Amino acid sequence: MNLITVFGIVALSFMMLMYALERRHPFFVLAFAAGCALSSVYGFLSGAWPFGIVEVIWCLIAVARYRDQPRAVSSSP
């Protein structure tokens, strides 16, 4: 197993884990975007450029979802 394959397994596993945890905290949506970016890098490094492009698009969608999420407003006494 070469280094690019190991990187891809780690990147895709991270991305899937962050996707599964998205409902727990807004941070996980941003982490999912990072996982998509890492998966995109893997796609381009492995020569699967269509996969790399799709993952870039998913990364942008996840960043937009993170940006558009309502933030909890802390109230001061």
PDB file of N, CA and C in Angstrom:
ATOM      1  N   MET A   1       0.851  -1.168   0.000  1.00  0.00           N
ATOM      2  CA  MET A   1       0.000   0.000   0.000  1.00  0.00           C
ATOM      3  C   MET A   1       0.902   1.238   0.000  1.00  0.00           C
ATOM      4  N   ASN A   2       0.700   2.121  -0.965  1.00  0.00           N
ATOM      5  CA  ASN A   2       1.572   3.288  -1.037  1.00  0.00           C
ATOM      6  C   ASN A   2       1.062   4.432  -0.152  1.00  0.00           C
ATOM      7  N   LEU A   3       1.869   5.457  -0.016  1.00  0.00           N
ATOM      8  CA  LEU A   3       1.572   6.571   0.882  1.00  0.00           C
ATOM      9  C   LEU A   3       0.330   7.342   0.460  1.00  0.00           C
ATOM     10  N   ILE A   4       0.112   7.509  -0.832  1.00  0.00           N
ATOM     11  CA  ILE A   4      -1.068   8.229  -1.310  1.00  0.00           C
ATOM     12  C   ILE A   4      -2.338   7.477  -0.932  1.00  0.00           C
ATOM     13  N   THR A   5      -2.319   6.157  -1.023  1.00  0.00           N
ATOM     14  CA  THR A   5      -3.482   5.352  -0.641  1.00  0.00           C
ATOM     15  C   THR A   5      -3.769   5.481   0.844  1.00  0.00           C
ATOM     16  N   VAL A   6      -2.742   5.446   1.668  1.00  0.00           N
ATOM     17  CA  VAL A   6      -2.914   5.602   3.112  1.00  0.00           C
ATOM     18  C   VAL A   6      -3.480   6.982   3.415  1.00  0.00           C
ATOM     19  N   PHE A   7      -2.952   8.008   2.760  1.00  0.00           N
ATOM     20  CA  PHE A   7      -3.470   9.371   2.932  1.00  0.00           C
ATOM     21  C   PHE A   7      -4.950   9.420   2.561  1.00  0.00           C
ATOM     22  N   GLY A   8      -5.319   8.785   1.466  1.00  0.00           N
ATOM     23  CA  GLY A   8      -6.712   8.769   1.032  1.00  0.00           C
ATOM     24  C   GLY A   8      -7.620   8.071   2.022  1.00  0.00           C
ATOM     25  N   ILE A   9      -7.177   6.962   2.570  1.00  0.00           N
ATOM     26  CA  ILE A   9      -7.978   6.238   3.563  1.00  0.00           C
ATOM     27  C   ILE A   9      -8.195   7.100   4.802  1.00  0.00           C
ATOM     28  N   VAL A  10      -7.142   7.758   5.263  1.00  0.00           N
ATOM     29  CA  VAL A  10      -7.253   8.621   6.437  1.00  0.00           C
ATOM     30  C   VAL A  10      -8.158   9.821   6.140  1.00  0.00           C
ATOM     31  N   ALA A  11      -7.965  10.461   4.992  1.00  0.00           N
ATOM     32  CA  ALA A  11      -8.765  11.634   4.638  1.00  0.00           C
ATOM     33  C   ALA A  11     -10.248  11.282   4.507  1.00  0.00           C
ATOM     34  N   LEU A  12     -10.558  10.209   3.819  1.00  0.00           N
ATOM     35  CA  LEU A  12     -11.960   9.822   3.633  1.00  0.00           C
ATOM     36  C   LEU A  12     -12.594   9.359   4.941  1.00  0.00           C
ATOM     37  N   SER A  13     -11.829   8.659   5.774  1.00  0.00           N
ATOM     38  CA  SER A  13     -12.350   8.235   7.073  1.00  0.00           C
ATOM     39  C   SER A  13     -12.654   9.443   7.958  1.00  0.00           C
ATOM     40  N   PHE A  14     -11.751  10.415   7.957  1.00  0.00           N
ATOM     41  CA  PHE A  14     -11.961  11.645   8.720  1.00  0.00           C
ATOM     42  C   PHE A  14     -13.196  12.373   8.210  1.00  0.00           C
ATOM     43  N   MET A  15     -13.323  12.492   6.904  1.00  0.00           N
ATOM     44  CA  MET A  15     -14.466  13.187   6.311  1.00  0.00           C
ATOM     45  C   MET A  15     -15.779  12.506   6.719  1.00  0.00           C
ATOM     46  N   MET A  16     -15.851  11.192   6.640  1.00  0.00           N
ATOM     47  CA  MET A  16     -17.071  10.471   6.997  1.00  0.00           C
ATOM     48  C   MET A  16     -17.389  10.607   8.486  1.00  0.00           C
ATOM     49  N   LEU A  17     -16.369  10.574   9.341  1.00  0.00           N
ATOM     50  CA  LEU A  17     -16.591  10.729  10.770  1.00  0.00           C
ATOM     51  C   LEU A  17     -17.140  12.120  11.087  1.00  0.00           C
ATOM     52  N   MET A  18     -16.581  13.143  10.461  1.00  0.00           N
ATOM     53  CA  MET A  18     -17.056  14.501  10.698  1.00  0.00           C
ATOM     54  C   MET A  18     -18.488  14.673  10.187  1.00  0.00           C
ATOM     55  N   TYR A  19     -18.808  14.029   9.083  1.00  0.00           N
ATOM     56  CA  TYR A  19     -20.174  14.081   8.558  1.00  0.00           C
ATOM     57  C   TYR A  19     -21.141  13.448   9.562  1.00  0.00           C
ATOM     58  N   ALA A  20     -20.745  12.344  10.154  1.00  0.00           N
ATOM     59  CA  ALA A  20     -21.597  11.660  11.124  1.00  0.00           C
ATOM     60  C   ALA A  20     -21.803  12.506  12.393  1.00  0.00           C
ATOM     61  N   LEU A  21     -20.847  13.359  12.712  1.00  0.00           N
ATOM     62  CA  LEU A  21     -20.919  14.166  13.935  1.00  0.00           C
ATOM     63  C   LEU A  21     -21.480  15.569  13.712  1.00  0.00           C
ATOM     64  N   GLU A  22     -21.856  15.918  12.486  1.00  0.00           N
ATOM     65  CA  GLU A  22     -22.277  17.285  12.162  1.00  0.00           C
ATOM     66  C   GLU A  22     -23.391  17.826  13.045  1.00  0.00           C
ATOM     67  N   ARG A  23     -24.327  16.997  13.452  1.00  0.00           N
ATOM     68  CA  ARG A  23     -25.466  17.483  14.238  1.00  0.00           C
ATOM     69  C   ARG A  23     -25.099  17.807  15.685  1.00  0.00           C
ATOM     70  N   ARG A  24     -23.920  17.404  16.111  1.00  0.00           N
ATOM     71  CA  ARG A  24     -23.529  17.626  17.505  1.00  0.00           C
ATOM     72  C   ARG A  24     -23.047  19.044  17.775  1.00  0.00           C
ATOM     73  N   HIS A  25     -22.381  19.658  16.784  1.00  0.00           N
ATOM     74  CA  HIS A  25     -21.821  20.998  16.996  1.00  0.00           C
ATOM     75  C   HIS A  25     -21.461  21.594  15.633  1.00  0.00           C
ATOM     76  N   PRO A  26     -21.628  22.910  15.460  1.00  0.00           N
ATOM     77  CA  PRO A  26     -21.273  23.538  14.179  1.00  0.00           C
ATOM     78  C   PRO A  26     -19.818  23.332  13.774  1.00  0.00           C
ATOM     79  N   PHE A  27     -18.945  23.130  14.749  1.00  0.00           N
ATOM     80  CA  PHE A  27     -17.539  22.896  14.439  1.00  0.00           C
ATOM     81  C   PHE A  27     -17.364  21.696  13.507  1.00  0.00           C
ATOM     82  N   PHE A  28     -18.198  20.669  13.683  1.00  0.00           N
ATOM     83  CA  PHE A  28     -18.060  19.459  12.879  1.00  0.00           C
ATOM     84  C   PHE A  28     -18.407  19.701  11.413  1.00  0.00           C
ATOM     85  N   VAL A  29     -19.243  20.706  11.138  1.00  0.00           N
ATOM     86  CA  VAL A  29     -19.521  21.061   9.741  1.00  0.00           C
ATOM     87  C   VAL A  29     -18.260  21.635   9.112  1.00  0.00           C
ATOM     88  N   LEU A  30     -17.571  22.491   9.845  1.00  0.00           N
ATOM     89  CA  LEU A  30     -16.309  23.053   9.349  1.00  0.00           C
ATOM     90  C   LEU A  30     -15.240  21.968   9.227  1.00  0.00           C
ATOM     91  N   ALA A  31     -15.219  21.046  10.177  1.00  0.00           N
ATOM     92  CA  ALA A  31     -14.269  19.933  10.098  1.00  0.00           C
ATOM     93  C   ALA A  31     -14.593  19.034   8.899  1.00  0.00           C
ATOM     94  N   PHE A  32     -15.880  18.861   8.600  1.00  0.00           N
ATOM     95  CA  PHE A  32     -16.271  18.104   7.411  1.00  0.00           C
ATOM     96  C   PHE A  32     -15.739  18.790   6.152  1.00  0.00           C
ATOM     97  N   ALA A  33     -15.808  20.120   6.115  1.00  0.00           N
ATOM     98  CA  ALA A  33     -15.268  20.867   4.976  1.00  0.00           C
ATOM     99  C   ALA A  33     -13.770  20.608   4.839  1.00  0.00           C
ATOM    100  N   ALA A  34     -13.063  20.567   5.956  1.00  0.00           N
ATOM    101  CA  ALA A  34     -11.627  20.274   5.920  1.00  0.00           C
ATOM    102  C   ALA A  34     -11.389  18.856   5.402  1.00  0.00           C
ATOM    103  N   GLY A  35     -12.225  17.923   5.831  1.00  0.00           N
ATOM    104  CA  GLY A  35     -12.120  16.552   5.335  1.00  0.00           C
ATOM    105  C   GLY A  35     -12.354  16.468   3.839  1.00  0.00           C
ATOM    106  N   CYS A  36     -13.311  17.246   3.352  1.00  0.00           N
ATOM    107  CA  CYS A  36     -13.558  17.289   1.906  1.00  0.00           C
ATOM    108  C   CYS A  36     -12.350  17.848   1.166  1.00  0.00           C
ATOM    109  N   ALA A  37     -11.732  18.879   1.741  1.00  0.00           N
ATOM    110  CA  ALA A  37     -10.537  19.454   1.119  1.00  0.00           C
ATOM    111  C   ALA A  37      -9.407  18.432   1.072  1.00  0.00           C
ATOM    112  N   LEU A  38      -9.220  17.692   2.158  1.00  0.00           N
ATOM    113  CA  LEU A  38      -8.179  16.654   2.181  1.00  0.00           C
ATOM    114  C   LEU A  38      -8.490  15.549   1.174  1.00  0.00           C
ATOM    115  N   SER A  39      -9.761  15.182   1.069  1.00  0.00           N
ATOM    116  CA  SER A  39     -10.159  14.164   0.106  1.00  0.00           C
ATOM    117  C   SER A  39      -9.955  14.655  -1.324  1.00  0.00           C
ATOM    118  N   SER A  40     -10.157  15.943  -1.539  1.00  0.00           N
ATOM    119  CA  SER A  40      -9.915  16.516  -2.854  1.00  0.00           C
ATOM    120  C   SER A  40      -8.434  16.431  -3.219  1.00  0.00           C
ATOM    121  N   VAL A  41      -7.585  16.744  -2.256  1.00  0.00           N
ATOM    122  CA  VAL A  41      -6.142  16.628  -2.487  1.00  0.00           C
ATOM    123  C   VAL A  41      -5.795  15.191  -2.863  1.00  0.00           C
ATOM    124  N   TYR A  42      -6.384  14.247  -2.126  1.00  0.00           N
ATOM    125  CA  TYR A  42      -6.155  12.837  -2.448  1.00  0.00           C
ATOM    126  C   TYR A  42      -6.598  12.526  -3.877  1.00  0.00           C
ATOM    127  N   GLY A  43      -7.762  13.016  -4.272  1.00  0.00           N
ATOM    128  CA  GLY A  43      -8.252  12.763  -5.624  1.00  0.00           C
ATOM    129  C   GLY A  43      -7.281  13.261  -6.679  1.00  0.00           C
ATOM    130  N   PHE A  44      -6.789  14.471  -6.505  1.00  0.00           N
ATOM    131  CA  PHE A  44      -5.854  15.016  -7.487  1.00  0.00           C
ATOM    132  C   PHE A  44      -4.512  14.271  -7.463  1.00  0.00           C
ATOM    133  N   LEU A  45      -4.023  13.933  -6.269  1.00  0.00           N
ATOM    134  CA  LEU A  45      -2.752  13.205  -6.178  1.00  0.00           C
ATOM    135  C   LEU A  45      -2.832  11.812  -6.791  1.00  0.00           C
ATOM    136  N   SER A  46      -3.992  11.190  -6.673  1.00  0.00           N
ATOM    137  CA  SER A  46      -4.133   9.826  -7.190  1.00  0.00           C
ATOM    138  C   SER A  46      -4.502   9.804  -8.670  1.00  0.00           C
ATOM    139  N   GLY A  47      -4.718  10.980  -9.255  1.00  0.00           N
ATOM    140  CA  GLY A  47      -5.051  11.050 -10.671  1.00  0.00           C
ATOM    141  C   GLY A  47      -6.536  10.966 -10.968  1.00  0.00           C
ATOM    142  N   ALA A  48      -7.355  10.949  -9.919  1.00  0.00           N
ATOM    143  CA  ALA A  48      -8.809  10.897 -10.098  1.00  0.00           C
ATOM    144  C   ALA A  48      -9.350  12.323 -10.008  1.00  0.00           C
ATOM    145  N   TRP A  49      -9.013  13.146 -11.008  1.00  0.00           N
ATOM    146  CA  TRP A  49      -9.361  14.558 -10.948  1.00  0.00           C
ATOM    147  C   TRP A  49     -10.868  14.823 -10.882  1.00  0.00           C
ATOM    148  N   PRO A  50     -11.752  14.005 -11.487  1.00  0.00           N
ATOM    149  CA  PRO A  50     -13.187  14.281 -11.282  1.00  0.00           C
ATOM    150  C   PRO A  50     -13.582  14.173  -9.803  1.00  0.00           C
ATOM    151  N   PHE A  51     -13.028  13.194  -9.101  1.00  0.00           N
ATOM    152  CA  PHE A  51     -13.271  13.056  -7.669  1.00  0.00           C
ATOM    153  C   PHE A  51     -12.749  14.291  -6.929  1.00  0.00           C
ATOM    154  N   GLY A  52     -11.582  14.755  -7.308  1.00  0.00           N
ATOM    155  CA  GLY A  52     -11.011  15.946  -6.686  1.00  0.00           C
ATOM    156  C   GLY A  52     -11.882  17.167  -6.869  1.00  0.00           C
ATOM    157  N   ILE A  53     -12.450  17.333  -8.052  1.00  0.00           N
ATOM    158  CA  ILE A  53     -13.326  18.479  -8.317  1.00  0.00           C
ATOM    159  C   ILE A  53     -14.609  18.383  -7.499  1.00  0.00           C
ATOM    160  N   VAL A  54     -15.206  17.202  -7.448  1.00  0.00           N
ATOM    161  CA  VAL A  54     -16.437  17.024  -6.673  1.00  0.00           C
ATOM    162  C   VAL A  54     -16.189  17.312  -5.200  1.00  0.00           C
ATOM    163  N   GLU A  55     -15.065  16.885  -4.676  1.00  0.00           N
ATOM    164  CA  GLU A  55     -14.760  17.139  -3.277  1.00  0.00           C
ATOM    165  C   GLU A  55     -14.519  18.622  -3.000  1.00  0.00           C
ATOM    166  N   VAL A  56     -13.955  19.351  -3.959  1.00  0.00           N
ATOM    167  CA  VAL A  56     -13.816  20.803  -3.801  1.00  0.00           C
ATOM    168  C   VAL A  56     -15.197  21.437  -3.695  1.00  0.00           C
ATOM    169  N   ILE A  57     -16.113  20.990  -4.536  1.00  0.00           N
ATOM    170  CA  ILE A  57     -17.480  21.524  -4.500  1.00  0.00           C
ATOM    171  C   ILE A  57     -18.138  21.215  -3.153  1.00  0.00           C
ATOM    172  N   TRP A  58     -17.987  19.976  -2.663  1.00  0.00           N
ATOM    173  CA  TRP A  58     -18.542  19.628  -1.352  1.00  0.00           C
ATOM    174  C   TRP A  58     -17.911  20.473  -0.255  1.00  0.00           C
ATOM    175  N   CYS A  59     -16.641  20.768  -0.373  1.00  0.00           N
ATOM    176  CA  CYS A  59     -15.958  21.612   0.607  1.00  0.00           C
ATOM    177  C   CYS A  59     -16.590  23.005   0.637  1.00  0.00           C
ATOM    178  N   LEU A  60     -16.820  23.573  -0.529  1.00  0.00           N
ATOM    179  CA  LEU A  60     -17.434  24.902  -0.605  1.00  0.00           C
ATOM    180  C   LEU A  60     -18.856  24.898  -0.048  1.00  0.00           C
ATOM    181  N   ILE A  61     -19.609  23.845  -0.330  1.00  0.00           N
ATOM    182  CA  ILE A  61     -20.969  23.727   0.203  1.00  0.00           C
ATOM    183  C   ILE A  61     -20.928  23.651   1.730  1.00  0.00           C
ATOM    184  N   ALA A  62     -20.017  22.864   2.273  1.00  0.00           N
ATOM    185  CA  ALA A  62     -19.920  22.725   3.726  1.00  0.00           C
ATOM    186  C   ALA A  62     -19.498  24.036   4.391  1.00  0.00           C
ATOM    187  N   VAL A  63     -18.583  24.767   3.775  1.00  0.00           N
ATOM    188  CA  VAL A  63     -18.179  26.064   4.324  1.00  0.00           C
ATOM    189  C   VAL A  63     -19.366  27.022   4.313  1.00  0.00           C
ATOM    190  N   ALA A  64     -20.152  27.021   3.250  1.00  0.00           N
ATOM    191  CA  ALA A  64     -21.341  27.871   3.179  1.00  0.00           C
ATOM    192  C   ALA A  64     -22.363  27.469   4.243  1.00  0.00           C
ATOM    193  N   ARG A  65     -22.530  26.162   4.456  1.00  0.00           N
ATOM    194  CA  ARG A  65     -23.450  25.697   5.502  1.00  0.00           C
ATOM    195  C   ARG A  65     -22.984  26.146   6.875  1.00  0.00           C
ATOM    196  N   TYR A  66     -21.681  26.074   7.118  1.00  0.00           N
ATOM    197  CA  TYR A  66     -21.131  26.520   8.395  1.00  0.00           C
ATOM    198  C   TYR A  66     -21.355  28.016   8.577  1.00  0.00           C
ATOM    199  N   ARG A  67     -21.085  28.764   7.539  1.00  0.00           N
ATOM    200  CA  ARG A  67     -21.220  30.219   7.588  1.00  0.00           C
ATOM    201  C   ARG A  67     -22.669  30.643   7.820  1.00  0.00           C
ATOM    202  N   ASP A  68     -23.617  29.894   7.272  1.00  0.00           N
ATOM    203  CA  ASP A  68     -25.031  30.257   7.352  1.00  0.00           C
ATOM    204  C   ASP A  68     -25.739  29.734   8.595  1.00  0.00           C
ATOM    205  N   GLN A  69     -25.041  28.945   9.415  1.00  0.00           N
ATOM    206  CA  GLN A  69     -25.669  28.418  10.624  1.00  0.00           C
ATOM    207  C   GLN A  69     -25.873  29.529  11.635  1.00  0.00           C
ATOM    208  N   PRO A  70     -27.035  29.511  12.296  1.00  0.00           N
ATOM    209  CA  PRO A  70     -27.248  30.511  13.352  1.00  0.00           C
ATOM    210  C   PRO A  70     -26.285  30.281  14.512  1.00  0.00           C
ATOM    211  N   ARG A  71     -25.778  31.329  15.050  1.00  0.00           N
ATOM    212  CA  ARG A  71     -24.840  31.238  16.170  1.00  0.00           C
ATOM    213  C   ARG A  71     -25.611  31.456  17.460  1.00  0.00           C
ATOM    214  N   ALA A  72     -25.203  30.755  18.480  1.00  0.00           N
ATOM    215  CA  ALA A  72     -25.801  30.961  19.805  1.00  0.00           C
ATOM    216  C   ALA A  72     -25.350  32.315  20.341  1.00  0.00           C
ATOM    217  N   VAL A  73     -26.305  33.079  20.819  1.00  0.00           N
ATOM    218  CA  VAL A  73     -25.991  34.393  21.351  1.00  0.00           C
ATOM    219  C   VAL A  73     -25.878  34.270  22.871  1.00  0.00           C
ATOM    220  N   SER A  74     -24.729  34.666  23.373  1.00  0.00           N
ATOM    221  CA  SER A  74     -24.549  34.602  24.824  1.00  0.00           C
ATOM    222  C   SER A  74     -25.132  35.851  25.435  1.00  0.00           C
ATOM    223  N   SER A  75     -25.862  35.670  26.491  1.00  0.00           N
ATOM    224  CA  SER A  75     -26.466  36.815  27.164  1.00  0.00           C
ATOM    225  C   SER A  75     -25.639  37.182  28.381  1.00  0.00           C
ATOM    226  N   SER A  76     -25.409  38.463  28.530  1.00  0.00           N
ATOM    227  CA  SER A  76     -24.645  38.948  29.674  1.00  0.00           C
ATOM    228  C   SER A  76     -25.616  39.380  30.761  1.00  0.00           C
ATOM    229  N   PRO A  77     -25.311  39.103  32.015  1.00  0.00           N
ATOM    230  CA  PRO A  77     -26.227  39.516  33.102  1.00  0.00           C
ATOM    231  C   PRO A  77     -26.210  40.986  33.338  1.00  0.00           C
TER     232      PRO A  77
END
